[in-house]
PDB file of N, CA and C in Angstrom:
ATOM      1  N   MET A   1      45.748 -14.687  -6.552  1.00  0.00           N
ATOM      2  CA  MET A   1      44.435 -14.928  -7.105  1.00  0.00           C
ATOM      3  C   MET A   1      43.443 -14.004  -6.405  1.00  0.00           C
ATOM      4  N   ILE A   2      42.568 -13.426  -7.182  1.00  0.00           N
ATOM      5  CA  ILE A   2      41.521 -12.562  -6.640  1.00  0.00           C
ATOM      6  C   ILE A   2      40.205 -13.319  -6.716  1.00  0.00           C
ATOM      7  N   ALA A   3      39.565 -13.444  -5.577  1.00  0.00           N
ATOM      8  CA  ALA A   3      38.293 -14.164  -5.531  1.00  0.00           C
ATOM      9  C   ALA A   3      37.180 -13.289  -6.079  1.00  0.00           C
ATOM     10  N   GLY A   4      36.154 -13.929  -6.570  1.00  0.00           N
ATOM     11  CA  GLY A   4      34.962 -13.207  -6.983  1.00  0.00           C
ATOM     12  C   GLY A   4      34.077 -12.981  -5.772  1.00  0.00           C
ATOM     13  N   PRO A   5      32.868 -12.491  -5.994  1.00  0.00           N
ATOM     14  CA  PRO A   5      31.953 -12.297  -4.869  1.00  0.00           C
ATOM     15  C   PRO A   5      31.641 -13.654  -4.231  1.00  0.00           C
ATOM     16  N   LEU A   6      31.596 -13.687  -2.928  1.00  0.00           N
ATOM     17  CA  LEU A   6      31.327 -14.945  -2.234  1.00  0.00           C
ATOM     18  C   LEU A   6      30.445 -14.669  -1.027  1.00  0.00           C
ATOM     19  N   GLY A   7      29.293 -15.299  -1.014  1.00  0.00           N
ATOM     20  CA  GLY A   7      28.375 -15.118   0.107  1.00  0.00           C
ATOM     21  C   GLY A   7      27.101 -15.900  -0.119  1.00  0.00           C
ATOM     22  N   VAL A   8      26.156 -15.696   0.740  1.00  0.00           N
ATOM     23  CA  VAL A   8      24.868 -16.385   0.671  1.00  0.00           C
ATOM     24  C   VAL A   8      23.842 -15.416   0.100  1.00  0.00           C
ATOM     25  N   ARG A   9      22.957 -15.949  -0.703  1.00  0.00           N
ATOM     26  CA  ARG A   9      21.851 -15.133  -1.203  1.00  0.00           C
ATOM     27  C   ARG A   9      20.546 -15.892  -1.013  1.00  0.00           C
ATOM     28  N   PHE A  10      19.507 -15.127  -0.792  1.00  0.00           N
ATOM     29  CA  PHE A  10      18.164 -15.690  -0.631  1.00  0.00           C
ATOM     30  C   PHE A  10      17.336 -15.156  -1.776  1.00  0.00           C
ATOM     31  N   ASP A  11      16.815 -16.062  -2.584  1.00  0.00           N
ATOM     32  CA  ASP A  11      15.963 -15.623  -3.685  1.00  0.00           C
ATOM     33  C   ASP A  11      14.733 -16.495  -3.743  1.00  0.00           C
ATOM     34  N   ARG A  12      14.258 -16.789  -4.918  1.00  0.00           N
ATOM     35  CA  ARG A  12      12.966 -17.461  -5.078  1.00  0.00           C
ATOM     36  C   ARG A  12      12.941 -18.888  -4.528  1.00  0.00           C
ATOM     37  N   LEU A  13      14.074 -19.478  -4.258  1.00  0.00           N
ATOM     38  CA  LEU A  13      14.116 -20.842  -3.730  1.00  0.00           C
ATOM     39  C   LEU A  13      13.895 -20.825  -2.217  1.00  0.00           C
ATOM     40  N   PRO A  14      13.363 -21.913  -1.682  1.00  0.00           N
ATOM     41  CA  PRO A  14      13.118 -21.928  -0.235  1.00  0.00           C
ATOM     42  C   PRO A  14      14.402 -21.995   0.592  1.00  0.00           C
ATOM     43  N   LEU A  15      15.497 -22.401  -0.019  1.00  0.00           N
ATOM     44  CA  LEU A  15      16.764 -22.509   0.698  1.00  0.00           C
ATOM     45  C   LEU A  15      17.749 -21.459   0.208  1.00  0.00           C
ATOM     46  N   PRO A  16      18.655 -21.032   1.074  1.00  0.00           N
ATOM     47  CA  PRO A  16      19.671 -20.072   0.623  1.00  0.00           C
ATOM     48  C   PRO A  16      20.599 -20.704  -0.409  1.00  0.00           C
ATOM     49  N   ARG A  17      21.202 -19.857  -1.238  1.00  0.00           N
ATOM     50  CA  ARG A  17      22.134 -20.326  -2.262  1.00  0.00           C
ATOM     51  C   ARG A  17      23.473 -19.648  -2.053  1.00  0.00           C
ATOM     52  N   LEU A  18      24.516 -20.321  -2.473  1.00  0.00           N
ATOM     53  CA  LEU A  18      25.851 -19.746  -2.436  1.00  0.00           C
ATOM     54  C   LEU A  18      26.023 -18.860  -3.663  1.00  0.00           C
ATOM     55  N   GLU A  19      26.406 -17.614  -3.457  1.00  0.00           N
ATOM     56  CA  GLU A  19      26.649 -16.680  -4.560  1.00  0.00           C
ATOM     57  C   GLU A  19      28.148 -16.609  -4.797  1.00  0.00           C
ATOM     58  N   THR A  20      28.545 -16.955  -6.029  1.00  0.00           N
ATOM     59  CA  THR A  20      29.967 -16.957  -6.378  1.00  0.00           C
ATOM     60  C   THR A  20      30.271 -16.122  -7.619  1.00  0.00           C
ATOM     61  N   GLY A  21      29.269 -15.515  -8.217  1.00  0.00           N
ATOM     62  CA  GLY A  21      29.485 -14.732  -9.429  1.00  0.00           C
ATOM     63  C   GLY A  21      29.473 -15.564 -10.697  1.00  0.00           C
ATOM     64  N   GLU A  22      28.933 -16.779 -10.623  1.00  0.00           N
ATOM     65  CA  GLU A  22      28.865 -17.631 -11.812  1.00  0.00           C
ATOM     66  C   GLU A  22      27.754 -17.146 -12.737  1.00  0.00           C
ATOM     67  N   LEU A  23      28.061 -17.109 -14.025  1.00  0.00           N
ATOM     68  CA  LEU A  23      27.080 -16.780 -15.054  1.00  0.00           C
ATOM     69  C   LEU A  23      26.733 -18.071 -15.769  1.00  0.00           C
ATOM     70  N   ALA A  24      25.486 -18.516 -15.631  1.00  0.00           N
ATOM     71  CA  ALA A  24      25.084 -19.785 -16.226  1.00  0.00           C
ATOM     72  C   ALA A  24      23.619 -19.728 -16.638  1.00  0.00           C
ATOM     73  N   GLY A  25      23.274 -20.577 -17.575  1.00  0.00           N
ATOM     74  CA  GLY A  25      21.900 -20.638 -18.047  1.00  0.00           C
ATOM     75  C   GLY A  25      20.922 -21.041 -16.965  1.00  0.00           C
ATOM     76  N   TYR A  26      21.369 -21.812 -15.976  1.00  0.00           N
ATOM     77  CA  TYR A  26      20.503 -22.243 -14.894  1.00  0.00           C
ATOM     78  C   TYR A  26      20.518 -21.263 -13.714  1.00  0.00           C
ATOM     79  N   ASP A  27      21.349 -20.229 -13.789  1.00  0.00           N
ATOM     80  CA  ASP A  27      21.430 -19.230 -12.723  1.00  0.00           C
ATOM     81  C   ASP A  27      21.729 -17.877 -13.371  1.00  0.00           C
ATOM     82  N   LEU A  28      20.713 -17.338 -14.035  1.00  0.00           N
ATOM     83  CA  LEU A  28      20.889 -16.128 -14.837  1.00  0.00           C
ATOM     84  C   LEU A  28      21.150 -14.900 -13.970  1.00  0.00           C
ATOM     85  N   PRO A  29      21.889 -13.946 -14.525  1.00  0.00           N
ATOM     86  CA  PRO A  29      22.099 -12.695 -13.796  1.00  0.00           C
ATOM     87  C   PRO A  29      20.785 -11.921 -13.692  1.00  0.00           C
ATOM     88  N   THR A  30      20.528 -11.376 -12.524  1.00  0.00           N
ATOM     89  CA  THR A  30      19.334 -10.583 -12.271  1.00  0.00           C
ATOM     90  C   THR A  30      19.762  -9.293 -11.567  1.00  0.00           C
ATOM     91  N   PRO A  31      18.899  -8.285 -11.531  1.00  0.00           N
ATOM     92  CA  PRO A  31      19.255  -7.071 -10.795  1.00  0.00           C
ATOM     93  C   PRO A  31      19.604  -7.362  -9.322  1.00  0.00           C
ATOM     94  N   ALA A  32      18.882  -8.287  -8.702  1.00  0.00           N
ATOM     95  CA  ALA A  32      19.169  -8.637  -7.300  1.00  0.00           C
ATOM     96  C   ALA A  32      20.556  -9.272  -7.165  1.00  0.00           C
ATOM     97  N   ARG A  33      20.917 -10.132  -8.103  1.00  0.00           N
ATOM     98  CA  ARG A  33      22.247 -10.745  -8.054  1.00  0.00           C
ATOM     99  C   ARG A  33      23.329  -9.705  -8.277  1.00  0.00           C
ATOM    100  N   VAL A  34      23.095  -8.784  -9.208  1.00  0.00           N
ATOM    101  CA  VAL A  34      24.088  -7.734  -9.470  1.00  0.00           C
ATOM    102  C   VAL A  34      24.306  -6.913  -8.206  1.00  0.00           C
ATOM    103  N   ARG A  35      23.243  -6.540  -7.504  1.00  0.00           N
ATOM    104  CA  ARG A  35      23.390  -5.792  -6.243  1.00  0.00           C
ATOM    105  C   ARG A  35      24.192  -6.594  -5.236  1.00  0.00           C
ATOM    106  N   ARG A  36      23.907  -7.886  -5.171  1.00  0.00           N
ATOM    107  CA  ARG A  36      24.624  -8.767  -4.230  1.00  0.00           C
ATOM    108  C   ARG A  36      26.101  -8.859  -4.604  1.00  0.00           C
ATOM    109  N   TRP A  37      26.412  -8.916  -5.901  1.00  0.00           N
ATOM    110  CA  TRP A  37      27.816  -8.961  -6.327  1.00  0.00           C
ATOM    111  C   TRP A  37      28.564  -7.744  -5.832  1.00  0.00           C
ATOM    112  N   PHE A  38      27.958  -6.580  -5.959  1.00  0.00           N
ATOM    113  CA  PHE A  38      28.604  -5.352  -5.490  1.00  0.00           C
ATOM    114  C   PHE A  38      28.808  -5.405  -3.975  1.00  0.00           C
ATOM    115  N   ASP A  39      27.829  -5.947  -3.252  1.00  0.00           N
ATOM    116  CA  ASP A  39      27.941  -6.034  -1.791  1.00  0.00           C
ATOM    117  C   ASP A  39      29.026  -7.009  -1.351  1.00  0.00           C
ATOM    118  N   LEU A  40      29.220  -8.085  -2.115  1.00  0.00           N
ATOM    119  CA  LEU A  40      30.128  -9.160  -1.702  1.00  0.00           C
ATOM    120  C   LEU A  40      31.532  -9.077  -2.301  1.00  0.00           C
ATOM    121  N   ALA A  41      31.731  -8.252  -3.303  1.00  0.00           N
ATOM    122  CA  ALA A  41      33.016  -8.213  -4.005  1.00  0.00           C
ATOM    123  C   ALA A  41      34.137  -7.755  -3.068  1.00  0.00           C
ATOM    124  N   PRO A  42      35.319  -8.347  -3.218  1.00  0.00           N
ATOM    125  CA  PRO A  42      36.460  -7.909  -2.399  1.00  0.00           C
ATOM    126  C   PRO A  42      36.864  -6.473  -2.743  1.00  0.00           C
ATOM    127  N   THR A  43      37.399  -5.772  -1.764  1.00  0.00           N
ATOM    128  CA  THR A  43      37.826  -4.387  -1.960  1.00  0.00           C
ATOM    129  C   THR A  43      39.252  -4.192  -1.440  1.00  0.00           C
ATOM    130  N   ILE A  44      39.904  -3.211  -2.011  1.00  0.00           N
ATOM    131  CA  ILE A  44      41.181  -2.705  -1.491  1.00  0.00           C
ATOM    132  C   ILE A  44      40.978  -1.200  -1.399  1.00  0.00           C
ATOM    133  N   GLY A  45      40.898  -0.696  -0.179  1.00  0.00           N
ATOM    134  CA  GLY A  45      40.573   0.714   0.000  1.00  0.00           C
ATOM    135  C   GLY A  45      39.186   0.987  -0.547  1.00  0.00           C
ATOM    136  N   ASP A  46      39.087   1.977  -1.422  1.00  0.00           N
ATOM    137  CA  ASP A  46      37.801   2.313  -2.035  1.00  0.00           C
ATOM    138  C   ASP A  46      37.551   1.563  -3.336  1.00  0.00           C
ATOM    139  N   ASP A  47      38.501   0.747  -3.761  1.00  0.00           N
ATOM    140  CA  ASP A  47      38.379   0.034  -5.037  1.00  0.00           C
ATOM    141  C   ASP A  47      37.752  -1.338  -4.829  1.00  0.00           C
ATOM    142  N   LEU A  48      36.754  -1.616  -5.649  1.00  0.00           N
ATOM    143  CA  LEU A  48      35.998  -2.857  -5.588  1.00  0.00           C
ATOM    144  C   LEU A  48      36.398  -3.715  -6.781  1.00  0.00           C
ATOM    145  N   PHE A  49      36.640  -5.001  -6.552  1.00  0.00           N
ATOM    146  CA  PHE A  49      37.036  -5.919  -7.623  1.00  0.00           C
ATOM    147  C   PHE A  49      35.930  -6.948  -7.814  1.00  0.00           C
ATOM    148  N   LEU A  50      35.218  -6.809  -8.911  1.00  0.00           N
ATOM    149  CA  LEU A  50      34.084  -7.680  -9.203  1.00  0.00           C
ATOM    150  C   LEU A  50      34.480  -8.652 -10.312  1.00  0.00           C
ATOM    151  N   LYS A  51      34.720  -9.896  -9.930  1.00  0.00           N
ATOM    152  CA  LYS A  51      35.132 -10.917 -10.894  1.00  0.00           C
ATOM    153  C   LYS A  51      33.994 -11.912 -11.079  1.00  0.00           C
ATOM    154  N   LEU A  52      33.541 -12.041 -12.325  1.00  0.00           N
ATOM    155  CA  LEU A  52      32.480 -12.977 -12.677  1.00  0.00           C
ATOM    156  C   LEU A  52      33.057 -14.045 -13.585  1.00  0.00           C
ATOM    157  N   TYR A  53      32.382 -15.183 -13.689  1.00  0.00           N
ATOM    158  CA  TYR A  53      32.907 -16.247 -14.534  1.00  0.00           C
ATOM    159  C   TYR A  53      31.783 -17.099 -15.106  1.00  0.00           C
ATOM    160  N   THR A  54      32.140 -17.808 -16.163  1.00  0.00           N
ATOM    161  CA  THR A  54      31.258 -18.816 -16.742  1.00  0.00           C
ATOM    162  C   THR A  54      32.123 -19.999 -17.140  1.00  0.00           C
ATOM    163  N   HIS A  55      31.517 -21.139 -17.287  1.00  0.00           N
ATOM    164  CA  HIS A  55      32.264 -22.343 -17.638  1.00  0.00           C
ATOM    165  C   HIS A  55      32.291 -22.530 -19.146  1.00  0.00           C
ATOM    166  N   GLY A  56      32.967 -21.638 -19.817  1.00  0.00           N
ATOM    167  CA  GLY A  56      33.144 -21.766 -21.260  1.00  0.00           C
ATOM    168  C   GLY A  56      31.842 -21.691 -22.034  1.00  0.00           C
ATOM    169  N   ALA A  57      31.832 -22.353 -23.157  1.00  0.00           N
ATOM    170  CA  ALA A  57      30.692 -22.277 -24.059  1.00  0.00           C
ATOM    171  C   ALA A  57      29.860 -23.560 -24.005  1.00  0.00           C
ATOM    172  N   GLN A  58      29.454 -23.937 -22.821  1.00  0.00           N
ATOM    173  CA  GLN A  58      28.611 -25.123 -22.695  1.00  0.00           C
ATOM    174  C   GLN A  58      27.280 -24.881 -23.388  1.00  0.00           C
ATOM    175  N   GLU A  59      26.794 -25.871 -24.083  1.00  0.00           N
ATOM    176  CA  GLU A  59      25.556 -25.741 -24.850  1.00  0.00           C
ATOM    177  C   GLU A  59      24.385 -25.262 -23.994  1.00  0.00           C
ATOM    178  N   ARG A  60      24.300 -25.746 -22.759  1.00  0.00           N
ATOM    179  CA  ARG A  60      23.152 -25.373 -21.925  1.00  0.00           C
ATOM    180  C   ARG A  60      23.181 -23.891 -21.536  1.00  0.00           C
ATOM    181  N   ASN A  61      24.339 -23.238 -21.666  1.00  0.00           N
ATOM    182  CA  ASN A  61      24.445 -21.815 -21.344  1.00  0.00           C
ATOM    183  C   ASN A  61      24.271 -20.925 -22.560  1.00  0.00           C
ATOM    184  N   TYR A  62      24.429 -21.485 -23.732  1.00  0.00           N
ATOM    185  CA  TYR A  62      24.467 -20.694 -24.957  1.00  0.00           C
ATOM    186  C   TYR A  62      23.225 -19.836 -25.135  1.00  0.00           C
ATOM    187  N   GLU A  63      22.076 -20.466 -25.251  1.00  0.00           N
ATOM    188  CA  GLU A  63      20.850 -19.724 -25.554  1.00  0.00           C
ATOM    189  C   GLU A  63      20.446 -18.757 -24.439  1.00  0.00           C
ATOM    190  N   PRO A  64      20.415 -19.205 -23.177  1.00  0.00           N
ATOM    191  CA  PRO A  64      19.997 -18.262 -22.132  1.00  0.00           C
ATOM    192  C   PRO A  64      20.912 -17.040 -22.018  1.00  0.00           C
ATOM    193  N   LEU A  65      22.213 -17.240 -22.056  1.00  0.00           N
ATOM    194  CA  LEU A  65      23.132 -16.115 -21.867  1.00  0.00           C
ATOM    195  C   LEU A  65      23.225 -15.232 -23.105  1.00  0.00           C
ATOM    196  N   LEU A  66      23.387 -15.855 -24.266  1.00  0.00           N
ATOM    197  CA  LEU A  66      23.533 -15.060 -25.486  1.00  0.00           C
ATOM    198  C   LEU A  66      22.195 -14.587 -26.038  1.00  0.00           C
ATOM    199  N   GLY A  67      21.116 -15.128 -25.507  1.00  0.00           N
ATOM    200  CA  GLY A  67      19.784 -14.720 -25.947  1.00  0.00           C
ATOM    201  C   GLY A  67      19.262 -13.475 -25.235  1.00  0.00           C
ATOM    202  N   GLY A  68      20.099 -12.808 -24.463  1.00  0.00           N
ATOM    203  CA  GLY A  68      19.674 -11.569 -23.830  1.00  0.00           C
ATOM    204  C   GLY A  68      20.116 -11.399 -22.388  1.00  0.00           C
ATOM    205  N   ALA A  69      20.435 -12.490 -21.707  1.00  0.00           N
ATOM    206  CA  ALA A  69      20.785 -12.380 -20.286  1.00  0.00           C
ATOM    207  C   ALA A  69      22.069 -11.582 -20.071  1.00  0.00           C
ATOM    208  N   LEU A  70      23.050 -11.755 -20.941  1.00  0.00           N
ATOM    209  CA  LEU A  70      24.298 -11.003 -20.768  1.00  0.00           C
ATOM    210  C   LEU A  70      24.087  -9.517 -21.039  1.00  0.00           C
ATOM    211  N   SER A  71      23.294  -9.193 -22.036  1.00  0.00           N
ATOM    212  CA  SER A  71      22.989  -7.782 -22.305  1.00  0.00           C
ATOM    213  C   SER A  71      22.313  -7.142 -21.098  1.00  0.00           C
ATOM    214  N   ASN A  72      21.363  -7.859 -20.504  1.00  0.00           N
ATOM    215  CA  ASN A  72      20.692  -7.357 -19.307  1.00  0.00           C
ATOM    216  C   ASN A  72      21.665  -7.196 -18.149  1.00  0.00           C
ATOM    217  N   MET A  73      22.607  -8.142 -18.022  1.00  0.00           N
ATOM    218  CA  MET A  73      23.584  -8.068 -16.947  1.00  0.00           C
ATOM    219  C   MET A  73      24.459  -6.821 -17.083  1.00  0.00           C
ATOM    220  N   PHE A  74      24.943  -6.547 -18.309  1.00  0.00           N
ATOM    221  CA  PHE A  74      25.776  -5.367 -18.523  1.00  0.00           C
ATOM    222  C   PHE A  74      24.991  -4.086 -18.208  1.00  0.00           C
ATOM    223  N   ARG A  75      23.722  -4.060 -18.575  1.00  0.00           N
ATOM    224  CA  ARG A  75      22.882  -2.901 -18.264  1.00  0.00           C
ATOM    225  C   ARG A  75      22.714  -2.754 -16.755  1.00  0.00           C
ATOM    226  N   CYS A  76      22.441  -3.873 -16.072  1.00  0.00           N
ATOM    227  CA  CYS A  76      22.267  -3.845 -14.613  1.00  0.00           C
ATOM    228  C   CYS A  76      23.561  -3.433 -13.904  1.00  0.00           C
ATOM    229  N   LEU A  77      24.693  -3.911 -14.405  1.00  0.00           N
ATOM    230  CA  LEU A  77      25.984  -3.517 -13.818  1.00  0.00           C
ATOM    231  C   LEU A  77      26.188  -2.006 -13.938  1.00  0.00           C
ATOM    232  N   ALA A  78      25.912  -1.463 -15.109  1.00  0.00           N
ATOM    233  CA  ALA A  78      26.075  -0.019 -15.329  1.00  0.00           C
ATOM    234  C   ALA A  78      25.127   0.770 -14.436  1.00  0.00           C
ATOM    235  N   GLU A  79      23.873   0.329 -14.315  1.00  0.00           N
ATOM    236  CA  GLU A  79      22.899   1.035 -13.480  1.00  0.00           C
ATOM    237  C   GLU A  79      23.292   0.986 -12.008  1.00  0.00           C
ATOM    238  N   GLU A  80      23.728  -0.181 -11.544  1.00  0.00           N
ATOM    239  CA  GLU A  80      24.126  -0.320 -10.133  1.00  0.00           C
ATOM    240  C   GLU A  80      25.366   0.512  -9.830  1.00  0.00           C
ATOM    241  N   ALA A  81      26.318   0.513 -10.752  1.00  0.00           N
ATOM    242  CA  ALA A  81      27.527   1.320 -10.568  1.00  0.00           C
ATOM    243  C   ALA A  81      27.155   2.801 -10.491  1.00  0.00           C
ATOM    244  N   GLU A  82      26.250   3.237 -11.352  1.00  0.00           N
ATOM    245  CA  GLU A  82      25.836   4.642 -11.345  1.00  0.00           C
ATOM    246  C   GLU A  82      25.141   4.998 -10.030  1.00  0.00           C
ATOM    247  N   GLN A  83      24.263   4.108  -9.561  1.00  0.00           N
ATOM    248  CA  GLN A  83      23.557   4.358  -8.295  1.00  0.00           C
ATOM    249  C   GLN A  83      24.533   4.462  -7.125  1.00  0.00           C
ATOM    250  N   ARG A  84      25.600   3.695  -7.166  1.00  0.00           N
ATOM    251  CA  ARG A  84      26.581   3.676  -6.074  1.00  0.00           C
ATOM    252  C   ARG A  84      27.696   4.698  -6.268  1.00  0.00           C
ATOM    253  N   GLY A  85      27.695   5.373  -7.410  1.00  0.00           N
ATOM    254  CA  GLY A  85      28.752   6.337  -7.680  1.00  0.00           C
ATOM    255  C   GLY A  85      30.085   5.666  -7.954  1.00  0.00           C
ATOM    256  N   VAL A  86      30.022   4.493  -8.569  1.00  0.00           N
ATOM    257  CA  VAL A  86      31.213   3.692  -8.864  1.00  0.00           C
ATOM    258  C   VAL A  86      31.512   3.780 -10.350  1.00  0.00           C
ATOM    259  N   GLU A  87      32.776   3.901 -10.695  1.00  0.00           N
ATOM    260  CA  GLU A  87      33.195   3.919 -12.098  1.00  0.00           C
ATOM    261  C   GLU A  87      33.611   2.505 -12.498  1.00  0.00           C
ATOM    262  N   LEU A  88      33.020   1.979 -13.573  1.00  0.00           N
ATOM    263  CA  LEU A  88      33.341   0.627 -14.044  1.00  0.00           C
ATOM    264  C   LEU A  88      34.562   0.646 -14.960  1.00  0.00           C
ATOM    265  N   HIS A  89      35.411  -0.352 -14.797  1.00  0.00           N
ATOM    266  CA  HIS A  89      36.535  -0.593 -15.701  1.00  0.00           C
ATOM    267  C   HIS A  89      36.529  -2.080 -16.028  1.00  0.00           C
ATOM    268  N   TRP A  90      36.624  -2.410 -17.290  1.00  0.00           N
ATOM    269  CA  TRP A  90      36.662  -3.808 -17.711  1.00  0.00           C
ATOM    270  C   TRP A  90      38.122  -4.216 -17.835  1.00  0.00           C
ATOM    271  N   ALA A  91      38.456  -5.396 -17.342  1.00  0.00           N
ATOM    272  CA  ALA A  91      39.854  -5.830 -17.328  1.00  0.00           C
ATOM    273  C   ALA A  91      39.952  -7.342 -17.449  1.00  0.00           C
ATOM    274  N   THR A  92      41.101  -7.782 -17.917  1.00  0.00           N
ATOM    275  CA  THR A  92      41.400  -9.218 -17.902  1.00  0.00           C
ATOM    276  C   THR A  92      41.802  -9.588 -16.474  1.00  0.00           C
ATOM    277  N   ALA A  93      41.907 -10.884 -16.213  1.00  0.00           N
ATOM    278  CA  ALA A  93      42.339 -11.333 -14.889  1.00  0.00           C
ATOM    279  C   ALA A  93      43.736 -10.802 -14.574  1.00  0.00           C
ATOM    280  N   TRP A  94      44.626 -10.783 -15.561  1.00  0.00           N
ATOM    281  CA  TRP A  94      45.987 -10.288 -15.354  1.00  0.00           C
ATOM    282  C   TRP A  94      45.964  -8.792 -15.031  1.00  0.00           C
ATOM    283  N   GLN A  95      45.174  -8.020 -15.744  1.00  0.00           N
ATOM    284  CA  GLN A  95      45.076  -6.590 -15.477  1.00  0.00           C
ATOM    285  C   GLN A  95      44.498  -6.328 -14.086  1.00  0.00           C
ATOM    286  N   MET A  96      43.552  -7.149 -13.680  1.00  0.00           N
ATOM    287  CA  MET A  96      42.979  -7.011 -12.348  1.00  0.00           C
ATOM    288  C   MET A  96      44.043  -7.287 -11.284  1.00  0.00           C
ATOM    289  N   TYR A  97      44.819  -8.325 -11.503  1.00  0.00           N
ATOM    290  CA  TYR A  97      45.902  -8.665 -10.574  1.00  0.00           C
ATOM    291  C   TYR A  97      46.893  -7.501 -10.467  1.00  0.00           C
ATOM    292  N   GLN A  98      47.279  -6.939 -11.609  1.00  0.00           N
ATOM    293  CA  GLN A  98      48.229  -5.827 -11.600  1.00  0.00           C
ATOM    294  C   GLN A  98      47.656  -4.611 -10.876  1.00  0.00           C
ATOM    295  N   ALA A  99      46.387  -4.316 -11.066  1.00  0.00           N
ATOM    296  CA  ALA A  99      45.757  -3.179 -10.386  1.00  0.00           C
ATOM    297  C   ALA A  99      45.739  -3.419  -8.874  1.00  0.00           C
ATOM    298  N   ALA A 100      45.377  -4.622  -8.448  1.00  0.00           N
ATOM    299  CA  ALA A 100      45.362  -4.945  -7.020  1.00  0.00           C
ATOM    300  C   ALA A 100      46.773  -4.861  -6.448  1.00  0.00           C
ATOM    301  N   ASP A 101      47.740  -5.322  -7.200  1.00  0.00           N
ATOM    302  CA  ASP A 101      49.137  -5.286  -6.780  1.00  0.00           C
ATOM    303  C   ASP A 101      49.587  -3.841  -6.547  1.00  0.00           C
ATOM    304  N   ARG A 102      49.242  -2.954  -7.470  1.00  0.00           N
ATOM    305  CA  ARG A 102      49.598  -1.534  -7.326  1.00  0.00           C
ATOM    306  C   ARG A 102      48.903  -0.914  -6.116  1.00  0.00           C
ATOM    307  N   LEU A 103      47.647  -1.273  -5.883  1.00  0.00           N
ATOM    308  CA  LEU A 103      46.887  -0.687  -4.776  1.00  0.00           C
ATOM    309  C   LEU A 103      47.421  -1.104  -3.407  1.00  0.00           C
ATOM    310  N   THR A 104      47.974  -2.295  -3.321  1.00  0.00           N
ATOM    311  CA  THR A 104      48.498  -2.747  -2.030  1.00  0.00           C
ATOM    312  C   THR A 104      49.823  -2.078  -1.708  1.00  0.00           C
ATOM    313  N   GLY A 105      50.473  -1.510  -2.733  1.00  0.00           N
ATOM    314  CA  GLY A 105      51.754  -0.840  -2.503  1.00  0.00           C
ATOM    315  C   GLY A 105      52.907  -1.797  -2.280  1.00  0.00           C
ATOM    316  N   GLN A 106      52.677  -3.074  -2.526  1.00  0.00           N
ATOM    317  CA  GLN A 106      53.716  -4.074  -2.332  1.00  0.00           C
ATOM    318  C   GLN A 106      53.848  -4.934  -3.582  1.00  0.00           C
ATOM    319  N   PRO A 107      54.463  -4.378  -4.644  1.00  0.00           N
ATOM    320  CA  PRO A 107      54.604  -5.167  -5.876  1.00  0.00           C
ATOM    321  C   PRO A 107      55.339  -6.477  -5.621  1.00  0.00           C
ATOM    322  N   ARG A 108      54.882  -7.505  -6.265  1.00  0.00           N
ATOM    323  CA  ARG A 108      55.523  -8.820  -6.135  1.00  0.00           C
ATOM    324  C   ARG A 108      56.851  -8.814  -6.874  1.00  0.00           C
ATOM    325  N   LYS A 109      57.807  -9.540  -6.352  1.00  0.00           N
ATOM    326  CA  LYS A 109      59.090  -9.653  -7.035  1.00  0.00           C
ATOM    327  C   LYS A 109      58.920 -10.562  -8.237  1.00  0.00           C
ATOM    328  N   GLN A 110      59.409 -10.098  -9.362  1.00  0.00           N
ATOM    329  CA  GLN A 110      59.307 -10.852 -10.608  1.00  0.00           C
ATOM    330  C   GLN A 110      60.462 -11.848 -10.693  1.00  0.00           C
ATOM    331  N   ASN A 111      60.170 -12.993 -11.194  1.00  0.00           N
ATOM    332  CA  ASN A 111      61.196 -13.992 -11.470  1.00  0.00           C
ATOM    333  C   ASN A 111      61.918 -13.532 -12.733  1.00  0.00           C
ATOM    334  N   PRO A 112      63.223 -13.230 -12.675  1.00  0.00           N
ATOM    335  CA  PRO A 112      63.924 -12.727 -13.864  1.00  0.00           C
ATOM    336  C   PRO A 112      63.932 -13.712 -15.025  1.00  0.00           C
ATOM    337  N   ALA A 113      63.692 -14.984 -14.767  1.00  0.00           N
ATOM    338  CA  ALA A 113      63.688 -15.974 -15.831  1.00  0.00           C
ATOM    339  C   ALA A 113      62.407 -15.921 -16.650  1.00  0.00           C
ATOM    340  N   LYS A 114      61.360 -15.321 -16.086  1.00  0.00           N
ATOM    341  CA  LYS A 114      60.079 -15.239 -16.790  1.00  0.00           C
ATOM    342  C   LYS A 114      60.025 -14.008 -17.665  1.00  0.00           C
ATOM    343  N   ARG A 115      59.503 -14.172 -18.842  1.00  0.00           N
ATOM    344  CA  ARG A 115      59.301 -13.043 -19.767  1.00  0.00           C
ATOM    345  C   ARG A 115      57.805 -12.951 -20.038  1.00  0.00           C
ATOM    346  N   TYR A 116      57.234 -11.782 -19.821  1.00  0.00           N
ATOM    347  CA  TYR A 116      55.793 -11.593 -20.057  1.00  0.00           C
ATOM    348  C   TYR A 116      55.585 -10.862 -21.336  1.00  0.00           C
TER     349      TYR A 116
END
């Protein structure tokens, strides 16, 4: 399992918040959060793995995220990657696992009974 960004962030609230890469209507993506994600994301060598998540299609997330917040997030991700000289690749969780596996140089032994 590859963890998403994990750390503390200080924003408009008087208390620090735990940053986990969650995308939610009550915690919208912002340029500051995107920068923090890049800072906190796990790395293997020079490769950074940025995993974000949302809790499905909950009604309370629908309007805020689909009403423009996700579009802004994708723009902020592209801008931050460009500023850092990072190339973005979009992947499924399985593809991310396979990329990390290749980078470590220690492929996991496959169970011959499993067919993918």
